[in-house]
N, C-alpha and C. Protein backbone atom coordinates (compact mmCIF):
# COMPACT_ATOMS: atom_id res chain seq x y z
N MET A 1 89.64 -76.70 53.57
CA MET A 1 88.41 -76.76 54.64
C MET A 1 88.95 -75.02 54.92
N ALA A 2 87.87 -73.98 55.38
CA ALA A 2 88.02 -72.66 55.64
C ALA A 2 87.66 -72.81 57.05
N SER A 3 88.30 -71.87 58.00
CA SER A 3 88.00 -71.96 59.37
C SER A 3 86.97 -70.93 59.62
N LYS A 4 86.40 -71.25 60.63
CA LYS A 4 84.94 -70.14 61.38
C LYS A 4 85.33 -69.55 62.44
N PHE A 5 85.30 -68.53 62.45
CA PHE A 5 85.53 -67.35 63.70
C PHE A 5 84.32 -67.28 64.16
N TYR A 6 84.07 -67.12 65.60
CA TYR A 6 83.65 -66.18 66.07
C TYR A 6 83.59 -65.45 67.38
N VAL A 7 82.77 -63.76 67.14
CA VAL A 7 83.07 -62.75 67.25
C VAL A 7 82.54 -62.18 68.58
N GLY A 8 82.46 -62.32 69.47
CA GLY A 8 81.55 -61.19 70.77
C GLY A 8 82.25 -59.95 71.09
N MET A 9 81.40 -59.60 71.00
CA MET A 9 81.66 -57.68 71.29
C MET A 9 81.28 -57.27 72.37
N ASP A 10 81.62 -56.99 73.67
CA ASP A 10 80.27 -56.06 74.67
C ASP A 10 81.09 -54.64 74.97
N GLY A 11 79.79 -53.63 74.11
CA GLY A 11 80.05 -52.25 73.80
C GLY A 11 79.59 -51.45 75.24
N HIS A 12 80.55 -50.36 75.07
CA HIS A 12 80.37 -49.62 76.01
C HIS A 12 80.64 -48.14 75.62
N LYS A 13 80.76 -47.47 76.47
CA LYS A 13 80.32 -45.94 75.50
C LYS A 13 81.80 -44.97 75.44
N ASP A 14 82.57 -45.76 75.87
CA ASP A 14 83.97 -45.84 75.20
C ASP A 14 84.90 -46.53 74.70
N SER A 15 84.42 -47.85 74.73
CA SER A 15 85.18 -49.24 74.81
C SER A 15 84.30 -50.27 74.51
N VAL A 16 85.56 -50.82 73.61
CA VAL A 16 84.84 -52.19 72.81
C VAL A 16 85.26 -53.23 73.62
N ARG A 17 85.16 -54.23 74.48
CA ARG A 17 85.64 -55.80 74.38
C ARG A 17 85.61 -56.93 73.40
N ILE A 18 86.40 -56.83 72.94
CA ILE A 18 85.93 -58.19 71.95
C ILE A 18 86.75 -59.52 72.08
N ALA A 19 86.52 -60.21 71.67
CA ALA A 19 87.02 -61.83 71.87
C ALA A 19 86.72 -62.81 70.94
N VAL A 20 87.89 -63.55 70.01
CA VAL A 20 87.65 -64.08 69.18
C VAL A 20 87.27 -65.60 69.77
N LEU A 21 86.51 -66.67 68.96
CA LEU A 21 86.88 -67.67 69.45
C LEU A 21 87.40 -68.78 67.73
N LYS A 22 87.89 -69.67 67.35
CA LYS A 22 87.96 -70.30 66.20
C LYS A 22 87.47 -72.13 66.33
N GLY A 23 86.77 -71.84 65.43
CA GLY A 23 85.80 -73.19 65.26
C GLY A 23 85.77 -73.20 66.82
N THR A 24 85.44 -74.73 67.22
CA THR A 24 84.71 -75.05 68.03
C THR A 24 86.30 -75.28 69.65
N GLY A 25 86.61 -74.20 68.99
CA GLY A 25 87.85 -73.99 70.66
C GLY A 25 87.22 -73.67 71.78
N LYS A 26 87.90 -73.42 72.71
CA LYS A 26 87.19 -73.33 73.87
C LYS A 26 88.44 -72.01 74.16
N GLU A 27 89.55 -71.76 73.78
CA GLU A 27 90.67 -71.39 74.34
C GLU A 27 90.11 -69.66 72.99
N THR A 28 90.66 -68.13 73.16
CA THR A 28 90.25 -67.10 72.59
C THR A 28 91.48 -67.08 71.65
N VAL A 29 91.41 -66.64 70.56
CA VAL A 29 92.58 -66.69 69.38
C VAL A 29 92.76 -65.11 69.52
N TYR A 30 91.94 -64.40 70.09
CA TYR A 30 92.43 -63.21 69.89
C TYR A 30 91.07 -62.69 70.83
N GLU A 31 91.83 -61.21 71.99
CA GLU A 31 91.51 -60.72 73.03
C GLU A 31 91.94 -59.20 72.81
N ALA A 32 90.79 -58.31 72.76
CA ALA A 32 91.09 -57.14 73.34
C ALA A 32 90.17 -55.70 73.88
N THR A 33 90.60 -55.33 74.27
CA THR A 33 89.55 -54.08 74.75
C THR A 33 89.84 -52.33 73.67
N LEU A 34 89.18 -52.28 72.60
CA LEU A 34 89.77 -51.06 72.38
C LEU A 34 88.83 -49.89 71.90
N LYS A 35 89.00 -49.01 71.54
CA LYS A 35 88.12 -47.47 71.30
C LYS A 35 86.80 -48.05 70.74
N ASN A 36 85.90 -46.93 71.25
CA ASN A 36 84.43 -47.75 70.65
C ASN A 36 84.88 -46.52 69.15
N ALA A 37 85.40 -46.86 68.27
CA ALA A 37 85.13 -46.39 67.19
C ALA A 37 85.06 -47.63 66.20
N ILE A 38 84.27 -46.87 65.41
CA ILE A 38 83.47 -48.34 64.45
C ILE A 38 84.32 -48.39 63.41
N THR A 39 85.60 -47.96 62.95
CA THR A 39 86.44 -48.27 61.89
C THR A 39 86.99 -49.00 62.31
N LYS A 40 87.55 -48.69 63.27
CA LYS A 40 88.68 -49.66 64.60
C LYS A 40 87.73 -51.04 64.75
N ILE A 41 86.90 -51.17 65.20
CA ILE A 41 85.57 -52.35 65.33
C ILE A 41 86.02 -53.44 63.71
N VAL A 42 85.40 -52.52 62.74
CA VAL A 42 85.37 -53.15 61.68
C VAL A 42 86.79 -54.00 61.02
N ARG A 43 88.22 -52.81 60.82
CA ARG A 43 88.98 -53.79 60.68
C ARG A 43 89.53 -55.00 61.22
N VAL A 44 89.44 -54.26 62.49
CA VAL A 44 89.71 -55.83 63.57
C VAL A 44 88.61 -57.03 63.38
N VAL A 45 87.54 -56.58 63.06
CA VAL A 45 86.59 -58.08 62.78
C VAL A 45 86.13 -58.67 61.45
N SER A 46 86.67 -57.69 60.43
CA SER A 46 86.86 -58.03 59.03
C SER A 46 87.91 -58.96 58.61
N GLY A 47 88.91 -58.49 59.68
CA GLY A 47 90.73 -59.23 59.39
C GLY A 47 90.36 -60.02 59.32
N TYR A 48 89.41 -60.83 59.35
CA TYR A 48 89.21 -62.73 60.06
C TYR A 48 88.69 -62.78 58.69
N ARG A 49 88.12 -62.53 57.48
CA ARG A 49 87.93 -62.53 56.81
C ARG A 49 88.56 -63.28 55.65
N VAL A 50 89.93 -63.43 55.37
CA VAL A 50 90.73 -63.88 55.17
C VAL A 50 90.56 -65.15 55.03
N LYS A 51 91.03 -65.30 56.70
CA LYS A 51 91.05 -66.88 57.37
C LYS A 51 90.13 -67.68 57.21
N GLY A 52 88.63 -66.97 57.13
CA GLY A 52 87.41 -68.47 56.86
C GLY A 52 86.33 -66.87 56.69
N THR A 53 85.13 -67.93 57.57
CA THR A 53 84.18 -66.85 57.43
C THR A 53 83.78 -67.00 59.19
N VAL A 54 83.51 -65.39 59.51
CA VAL A 54 83.27 -64.69 60.57
C VAL A 54 81.57 -64.64 60.73
N ILE A 55 81.15 -64.76 62.20
CA ILE A 55 80.11 -64.70 62.77
C ILE A 55 80.39 -63.59 64.22
N ALA A 56 79.82 -62.52 64.18
CA ALA A 56 80.25 -61.94 65.03
C ALA A 56 78.60 -61.66 65.96
N GLY A 57 78.69 -60.67 67.02
CA GLY A 57 77.59 -61.09 67.75
C GLY A 57 78.12 -59.77 68.64
N TYR A 58 76.47 -59.05 69.60
CA TYR A 58 76.87 -58.26 70.22
C TYR A 58 75.51 -58.08 70.98
N GLU A 59 74.92 -57.39 72.84
CA GLU A 59 74.27 -57.47 72.48
C GLU A 59 73.64 -56.17 72.77
N ALA A 60 72.56 -55.70 72.28
CA ALA A 60 71.92 -54.68 71.94
C ALA A 60 71.80 -53.27 73.31
N SER A 61 72.99 -52.57 73.04
CA SER A 61 73.23 -51.83 73.99
C SER A 61 72.73 -50.14 73.63
N CYS A 62 74.33 -49.31 73.97
CA CYS A 62 74.59 -48.46 73.65
C CYS A 62 75.13 -48.61 72.46
N MET A 63 75.38 -49.29 71.55
CA MET A 63 76.27 -49.37 70.13
C MET A 63 75.44 -49.08 69.24
N GLY A 64 74.12 -49.40 69.48
CA GLY A 64 72.71 -49.59 68.49
C GLY A 64 73.39 -50.57 67.45
N PHE A 65 72.67 -49.62 66.10
CA PHE A 65 72.66 -50.45 65.04
C PHE A 65 73.83 -50.17 64.28
N THR A 66 74.39 -49.45 64.63
CA THR A 66 75.77 -49.28 63.82
C THR A 66 76.74 -50.41 63.31
N PRO A 67 77.06 -51.22 64.53
CA PRO A 67 78.37 -51.87 63.80
C PRO A 67 77.44 -53.52 63.68
N HIS A 68 76.08 -53.56 64.01
CA HIS A 68 75.15 -54.35 62.62
C HIS A 68 75.77 -54.12 61.28
N TRP A 69 75.48 -52.72 60.81
CA TRP A 69 75.38 -51.95 59.81
C TRP A 69 76.22 -51.99 59.02
N SER A 70 77.61 -51.53 59.60
CA SER A 70 78.99 -50.89 59.00
C SER A 70 80.02 -52.47 59.16
N LEU A 71 79.50 -53.85 60.09
CA LEU A 71 80.21 -54.68 59.39
C LEU A 71 78.61 -55.79 58.38
N ALA A 72 78.01 -55.34 58.16
CA ALA A 72 77.64 -55.69 57.35
C ALA A 72 77.97 -55.94 55.82
N GLU A 73 77.82 -53.86 55.89
CA GLU A 73 78.84 -53.84 54.52
C GLU A 73 79.86 -54.18 54.49
N ALA A 74 80.75 -55.02 55.64
CA ALA A 74 82.17 -55.19 55.05
C ALA A 74 82.21 -56.80 55.22
N LYS A 75 80.88 -57.29 54.67
CA LYS A 75 80.58 -58.27 54.22
C LYS A 75 80.78 -59.54 55.05
N VAL A 76 80.39 -59.42 57.05
CA VAL A 76 81.05 -59.83 57.73
C VAL A 76 79.35 -59.94 58.64
N ASP A 77 78.83 -61.17 58.76
CA ASP A 77 77.73 -62.00 59.53
C ASP A 77 77.38 -61.87 60.48
N CYS A 78 76.91 -60.13 61.08
CA CYS A 78 76.38 -59.61 62.66
C CYS A 78 75.46 -59.65 63.13
N ARG A 79 75.30 -59.92 64.34
CA ARG A 79 73.81 -60.38 64.88
C ARG A 79 73.56 -59.74 66.53
N VAL A 80 72.63 -59.14 66.04
CA VAL A 80 72.00 -58.19 67.68
C VAL A 80 70.79 -59.05 68.59
N ILE A 81 71.91 -58.95 69.49
CA ILE A 81 71.67 -60.22 70.74
C ILE A 81 70.42 -59.50 71.44
N ALA A 82 69.12 -59.80 71.92
CA ALA A 82 68.40 -58.99 72.80
C ALA A 82 68.20 -59.58 74.22
N PRO A 83 69.04 -58.41 74.75
CA PRO A 83 69.09 -58.95 76.54
C PRO A 83 68.63 -59.85 77.23
N ASN A 84 67.22 -59.67 76.69
CA ASN A 84 66.21 -60.82 77.61
C ASN A 84 65.99 -61.60 76.57
N LYS A 85 66.90 -61.67 75.89
CA LYS A 85 66.97 -63.39 74.97
C LYS A 85 68.09 -63.97 75.54
N ALA A 86 68.67 -63.84 75.83
CA ALA A 86 70.02 -64.64 76.39
C ALA A 86 69.54 -65.26 77.63
N ALA A 87 70.16 -66.61 77.30
CA ALA A 87 70.03 -67.51 77.91
C ALA A 87 71.37 -67.89 79.35
């Protein structure tokens, strides 16, 4: 049975904070602050595809839809979350 990985991203002008959870685990399996460069973000996030299913998400922000489009092209399910819809 393949694992499921959940990736949360918090984007800023110059950096993106990424945290990855495996399945229903409560501890992150990966945390990092990356330079806000889409190629680096896609490489890190899509790297989990070889281990299982990946679902990524980030709050709509200064990053726009570029991460969504780039991750979708890399076959990663990515969701853009409206700030006013977060619970």
